[in-house]
Amino acid sequence: MTDTTYDLIVIGAGPAGYWGAARAGSAGLKTLVVEKKTLGGVCLNEGCIPSKTILNSAKIYDKTRKGEKYGIKATGITYDQKQVLKRKKKVVKMLVAGVRSKLKSSGVEIAEGTAHIAGRNGSGYSVEVNDKEFTGKNLLIATGSKPLIPPIPGIRESLKNEFAVTSSGALDLAKIPESLVVIGGGYIGLEMGSYFSTVGSSVTVVEMLDHIAGETDREISGLLLERCKENGMDFRLNSKVIKIDEGGVVCKNDTREFSLRAETILLSMGRAPTIENLGLETIGVETRQGHIEVDREGRTNQPGVYAAGDVNGRSMLAHTAYREADVCVNNIMGKKDIMRYGAIPSVIYTDPEVAVVGETEAGAEEKGVEFETARLPMNYSGRYVAENEEKENIAKILVDKKHRKLIGVHLIGNYSSEIIYGAAMMIENEMRVKDVREIVFPHPTVSEIIREGVFQL
């Protein structure tokens, strides 16, 4: 008879789930991971990876059209959305297979189906999957998130008839819409809006705030707004959608109501943790405002029950989820570990890219931290000038005056996504200006912008 008792049962196989399961399995814990849809979760199948795949196609297309600046002349350039989607599916399929292989090589068992926590038993926690019962001495809940659907009149009907789509649906549009209204000017809305604008849609973004990109440094988000407008996107700030009808949306700002017509509506108003129908109530797991409450070790209020990734509502980023899963598994194995959120980078994969980590000027002021800022053009990097024909983009580096430690780095310009981890490492390790000045940066690279910046402080 098969033993159905495990050291750890992981519910959800997105970044937090599959990484946590693989870590636990590799460490010798008997581990089961349960996934109701596809290994890799939203990130790999409906978010991070497919969106970056199609965005890359759009950037190649855009650079080719504008190639004369670089000495390249081409005619008859077309964009084949069907081929782009075909390649996207190939990339996703390959990476999903990689996740399955990683789990298998780590000794992790996989159960496909919907998990429901049925309560406690003598050995731990009972989890039902497709009428089978498993027991976990420990649980790691990593069920991710889903698109937030606000109570806007007409929104449900529009989703049903596919006039409106979420970001997941937008990644499967077989035809580029002539016109697109994006509701929400956050990271996802900007990336998807940028994509469709680049490949031929007339894009309008409606945002309730007076700025885009959420809590991003205001100067950086202001420059991004300018760049997006230069690339053909339109914006209606300080505006909210009050109704979706058959031909578009009805909006309202401080002075008037107005309508925007569109072939397709993209809903991008954030995400909500997925905690429904899990059976959390059967074991008394505490939730608050729609997410699972955890401490810095990833523990819930119940012994042996942990939560990582979007479901805990702390930081809805795949790379945060990986680290949270590390923390949970380490603590399950008796290795004291805690989660720190002060140096988690964020990236907006528009063209140009935005990458940020640490404190903004507004955030530092609010906390009463005295700081200095080095602000310099990205053109201080020789490689950046050699490879980019863009208007001036910038780098900002914040240092606290008292200890001379780096506390924030904010970049707008291509390659930012690939160098921000270095800035995160500097902030995480509380490096001082003096320490960073002693680092030898490779030349010529865009990363040298950080070196240039610290020598201004």
Foldseek 3Di string as FASTA:
>chain_A
DDAQEWQEEEEAQALLRLLLLLVLLLVPTAYEYEHAPAHRPCCLQQHVQLLVQLLVVLVVLLCQVVVVVVVHDDPDDADQLVVSLVVSVVRSVVVSVVSVVSNVVSNYHYHHAHWAFPAADPQPTWIDGPNDIHHYNFYEYEHAWAADDDPAAPRVVCVVVQLEDESRVLSPPNDLWQEEEEEAQAQSSQSSQLSSLSNHHQYEYEELAQFHHPPAFRVQRVVVVVVSVVSRYHYDYNKHFRHADDFFTWIDHPPDIDTDGTSHYYYDDDIAADDPNRNCVNHPQDDDPRAGDAFQLQDTPGPNYGYFECRRVPDNDSVRSSVSSVSNSCVSVVHHDGDDDQFDKDWRVHVFIKIKGFDHPVRCVVVVFAKDKQKDWLVVQVVQVVPDDDPTWIKIWIAGPPQQFTGMIIGTGHPCVVQSVVVSVRNVVRHHLVRLCPDDDDPRDSNCNVNVRSVVD
